[in-house]
Amino acid sequence: MNHIKNKQWICGNSYKKRILLENLKEKVNLIEDIIIEPKGIVPPHKHKHTDEIFYITENSAVMIVENKEFKVNPGDVIYIEKNEEHGFRNDSSKEFKMIVLKMNFIKGDSYLGDAQ
């Protein structure tokens, strides 16, 4: 198992994430800690190779899956298969937090669903 010693935050437009573990020798080969800022979004996107498991840890948000919206809450676990469009919208005034386990992850394996 390859632990990351310097867990730097990677910032997007309205979210940030950090890699907790990578290069695992199992099917789950990347684990991330993600925070979506108040009123922030992660736009709907897809992965060609990567399946994801989202574990919601703090506050609620709206998850968009294939153009359908669902409220997600702490303790919820959501499985998204490769090529399934998904995103998040944090309508609240608090940070939304989750842990993401990525299976069969390949760097750069993400694209906006509407752009392809």
C-alpha atoms as a PDB file:
ATOM      1  CA  MET A   1       0.000   0.000   0.000  1.00  0.00           C
ATOM      2  CA  ASN A   2       1.338   3.417  -0.952  1.00  0.00           C
ATOM      3  CA  HIS A   3       0.455   6.062   1.631  1.00  0.00           C
ATOM      4  CA  ILE A   4       0.664   9.715   0.592  1.00  0.00           C
ATOM      5  CA  LYS A   5       2.891  11.610   3.010  1.00  0.00           C
ATOM      6  CA  ASN A   6       2.111  15.121   1.788  1.00  0.00           C
ATOM      7  CA  LYS A   7      -1.669  15.249   1.415  1.00  0.00           C
ATOM      8  CA  GLN A   8      -1.996  18.481  -0.573  1.00  0.00           C
ATOM      9  CA  TRP A   9      -5.412  19.823  -1.508  1.00  0.00           C
ATOM     10  CA  ILE A  10      -6.143  20.054  -5.254  1.00  0.00           C
ATOM     11  CA  CYS A  11      -8.543  22.925  -5.905  1.00  0.00           C
ATOM     12  CA  GLY A  12     -11.255  23.118  -8.565  1.00  0.00           C
ATOM     13  CA  ASN A  13     -13.661  26.003  -9.185  1.00  0.00           C
ATOM     14  CA  SER A  14     -15.881  25.325  -6.170  1.00  0.00           C
ATOM     15  CA  TYR A  15     -14.461  22.172  -4.641  1.00  0.00           C
ATOM     16  CA  LYS A  16     -11.208  20.715  -3.382  1.00  0.00           C
ATOM     17  CA  LYS A  17      -9.912  17.187  -3.022  1.00  0.00           C
ATOM     18  CA  ARG A  18      -6.870  15.371  -1.754  1.00  0.00           C
ATOM     19  CA  ILE A  19      -5.616  11.901  -2.470  1.00  0.00           C
ATOM     20  CA  LEU A  20      -5.520   9.782   0.672  1.00  0.00           C
ATOM     21  CA  LEU A  21      -4.175   6.557  -0.865  1.00  0.00           C
ATOM     22  CA  GLU A  22      -3.083   5.649  -4.364  1.00  0.00           C
ATOM     23  CA  ASN A  23      -1.381   2.854  -6.283  1.00  0.00           C
ATOM     24  CA  LEU A  24      -3.148   0.217  -4.244  1.00  0.00           C
ATOM     25  CA  LYS A  25      -2.687  -3.290  -5.591  1.00  0.00           C
ATOM     26  CA  GLU A  26      -6.372  -4.065  -5.292  1.00  0.00           C
ATOM     27  CA  LYS A  27      -9.322  -3.122  -7.487  1.00  0.00           C
ATOM     28  CA  VAL A  28      -9.799   0.075  -5.423  1.00  0.00           C
ATOM     29  CA  ASN A  29      -6.711   1.968  -6.505  1.00  0.00           C
ATOM     30  CA  LEU A  30      -7.420   5.558  -5.409  1.00  0.00           C
ATOM     31  CA  ILE A  31      -9.118   7.050  -2.349  1.00  0.00           C
ATOM     32  CA  GLU A  32      -9.914  10.768  -2.168  1.00  0.00           C
ATOM     33  CA  ASP A  33     -11.250  13.176   0.439  1.00  0.00           C
ATOM     34  CA  ILE A  34     -13.513  15.770  -1.268  1.00  0.00           C
ATOM     35  CA  ILE A  35     -15.022  19.034  -0.019  1.00  0.00           C
ATOM     36  CA  ILE A  36     -17.557  21.002  -2.063  1.00  0.00           C
ATOM     37  CA  GLU A  37     -17.792  24.612  -0.984  1.00  0.00           C
ATOM     38  CA  PRO A  38     -21.118  26.241  -0.012  1.00  0.00           C
ATOM     39  CA  LYS A  39     -23.159  26.890  -3.193  1.00  0.00           C
ATOM     40  CA  GLY A  40     -20.468  24.965  -5.152  1.00  0.00           C
ATOM     41  CA  ILE A  41     -20.851  22.356  -7.869  1.00  0.00           C
ATOM     42  CA  VAL A  42     -19.000  19.466  -9.421  1.00  0.00           C
ATOM     43  CA  PRO A  43     -20.464  19.491 -12.937  1.00  0.00           C
ATOM     44  CA  PRO A  44     -21.939  16.288 -14.380  1.00  0.00           C
ATOM     45  CA  HIS A  45     -19.185  14.162 -15.897  1.00  0.00           C
ATOM     46  CA  LYS A  46     -18.320  10.548 -16.753  1.00  0.00           C
ATOM     47  CA  HIS A  47     -15.358   8.196 -16.503  1.00  0.00           C
ATOM     48  CA  LYS A  48     -14.545   5.712 -19.266  1.00  0.00           C
ATOM     49  CA  HIS A  49     -12.829   3.173 -16.986  1.00  0.00           C
ATOM     50  CA  THR A  50     -13.460   4.189 -13.391  1.00  0.00           C
ATOM     51  CA  ASP A  51     -16.242   3.010 -11.060  1.00  0.00           C
ATOM     52  CA  GLU A  52     -16.703   5.103  -7.904  1.00  0.00           C
ATOM     53  CA  ILE A  53     -18.105   4.631  -4.425  1.00  0.00           C
ATOM     54  CA  PHE A  54     -19.070   7.846  -2.619  1.00  0.00           C
ATOM     55  CA  TYR A  55     -19.351   7.841   1.187  1.00  0.00           C
ATOM     56  CA  ILE A  56     -21.015  11.021   2.460  1.00  0.00           C
ATOM     57  CA  THR A  57     -19.368  12.206   5.688  1.00  0.00           C
ATOM     58  CA  GLU A  58     -20.683  15.703   6.449  1.00  0.00           C
ATOM     59  CA  ASN A  59     -23.749  17.777   5.513  1.00  0.00           C
ATOM     60  CA  SER A  60     -26.194  17.215   2.654  1.00  0.00           C
ATOM     61  CA  ALA A  61     -26.068  17.982  -1.070  1.00  0.00           C
ATOM     62  CA  VAL A  62     -27.823  17.195  -4.318  1.00  0.00           C
ATOM     63  CA  MET A  63     -26.312  14.425  -6.435  1.00  0.00           C
ATOM     64  CA  ILE A  64     -27.152  14.386 -10.121  1.00  0.00           C
ATOM     65  CA  VAL A  65     -27.073  10.942 -11.782  1.00  0.00           C
ATOM     66  CA  GLU A  66     -28.083  10.635 -15.440  1.00  0.00           C
ATOM     67  CA  ASN A  67     -30.087  13.927 -15.214  1.00  0.00           C
ATOM     68  CA  LYS A  68     -31.968  12.828 -12.056  1.00  0.00           C
ATOM     69  CA  GLU A  69     -31.452  14.646  -8.751  1.00  0.00           C
ATOM     70  CA  PHE A  70     -31.175  12.951  -5.334  1.00  0.00           C
ATOM     71  CA  LYS A  71     -30.520  14.390  -1.884  1.00  0.00           C
ATOM     72  CA  VAL A  72     -27.535  12.697  -0.238  1.00  0.00           C
ATOM     73  CA  ASN A  73     -26.856  12.783   3.507  1.00  0.00           C
ATOM     74  CA  PRO A  74     -24.110  11.742   5.945  1.00  0.00           C
ATOM     75  CA  GLY A  75     -23.803   7.960   6.046  1.00  0.00           C
ATOM     76  CA  ASP A  76     -25.105   7.473   2.503  1.00  0.00           C
ATOM     77  CA  VAL A  77     -23.067   5.253   0.187  1.00  0.00           C
ATOM     78  CA  ILE A  78     -23.529   5.628  -3.583  1.00  0.00           C
ATOM     79  CA  TYR A  79     -22.041   3.407  -6.290  1.00  0.00           C
ATOM     80  CA  ILE A  80     -21.510   4.914  -9.770  1.00  0.00           C
ATOM     81  CA  GLU A  81     -20.458   2.694 -12.682  1.00  0.00           C
ATOM     82  CA  LYS A  82     -18.114   3.767 -15.459  1.00  0.00           C
ATOM     83  CA  ASN A  83     -19.836   5.822 -18.200  1.00  0.00           C
ATOM     84  CA  GLU A  84     -22.614   6.827 -15.781  1.00  0.00           C
ATOM     85  CA  GLU A  85     -22.939  10.622 -15.745  1.00  0.00           C
ATOM     86  CA  HIS A  86     -22.830  12.127 -12.244  1.00  0.00           C
ATOM     87  CA  GLY A  87     -22.160  15.374 -10.401  1.00  0.00           C
ATOM     88  CA  PHE A  88     -22.931  17.254  -7.170  1.00  0.00           C
ATOM     89  CA  ARG A  89     -24.491  20.566  -6.166  1.00  0.00           C
ATOM     90  CA  ASN A  90     -24.118  21.981  -2.672  1.00  0.00           C
ATOM     91  CA  ASP A  91     -27.089  24.323  -2.157  1.00  0.00           C
ATOM     92  CA  SER A  92     -26.289  24.908   1.528  1.00  0.00           C
ATOM     93  CA  SER A  93     -24.148  27.460   3.351  1.00  0.00           C
ATOM     94  CA  LYS A  94     -21.904  24.703   4.784  1.00  0.00           C
ATOM     95  CA  GLU A  95     -19.102  22.635   3.258  1.00  0.00           C
ATOM     96  CA  PHE A  96     -20.219  19.241   1.921  1.00  0.00           C
ATOM     97  CA  LYS A  97     -17.729  16.417   2.558  1.00  0.00           C
ATOM     98  CA  MET A  98     -17.304  12.901   1.230  1.00  0.00           C
ATOM     99  CA  ILE A  99     -14.761  10.124   0.721  1.00  0.00           C
ATOM    100  CA  VAL A 100     -14.487   8.624  -2.777  1.00  0.00           C
ATOM    101  CA  LEU A 101     -13.114   5.158  -3.549  1.00  0.00           C
ATOM    102  CA  LYS A 102     -12.130   4.798  -7.201  1.00  0.00           C
ATOM    103  CA  MET A 103     -11.899   1.394  -8.841  1.00  0.00           C
ATOM    104  CA  ASN A 104      -9.880   0.791 -12.017  1.00  0.00           C
ATOM    105  CA  PHE A 105      -8.806   4.442 -11.879  1.00  0.00           C
ATOM    106  CA  ILE A 106      -6.662   5.752 -14.728  1.00  0.00           C
ATOM    107  CA  LYS A 107      -5.299   9.301 -14.470  1.00  0.00           C
ATOM    108  CA  GLY A 108      -7.177  11.653 -16.818  1.00  0.00           C
ATOM    109  CA  ASP A 109     -10.206   9.317 -16.999  1.00  0.00           C
ATOM    110  CA  SER A 110     -12.862  12.003 -16.706  1.00  0.00           C
ATOM    111  CA  TYR A 111     -14.847  13.987 -19.231  1.00  0.00           C
ATOM    112  CA  LEU A 112     -17.873  16.244 -19.163  1.00  0.00           C
ATOM    113  CA  GLY A 113     -20.905  14.208 -20.139  1.00  0.00           C
ATOM    114  CA  ASP A 114     -22.400  16.849 -22.430  1.00  0.00           C
ATOM    115  CA  ALA A 115     -19.070  17.592 -24.109  1.00  0.00           C
ATOM    116  CA  GLN A 116     -18.652  14.096 -25.618  1.00  0.00           C
END
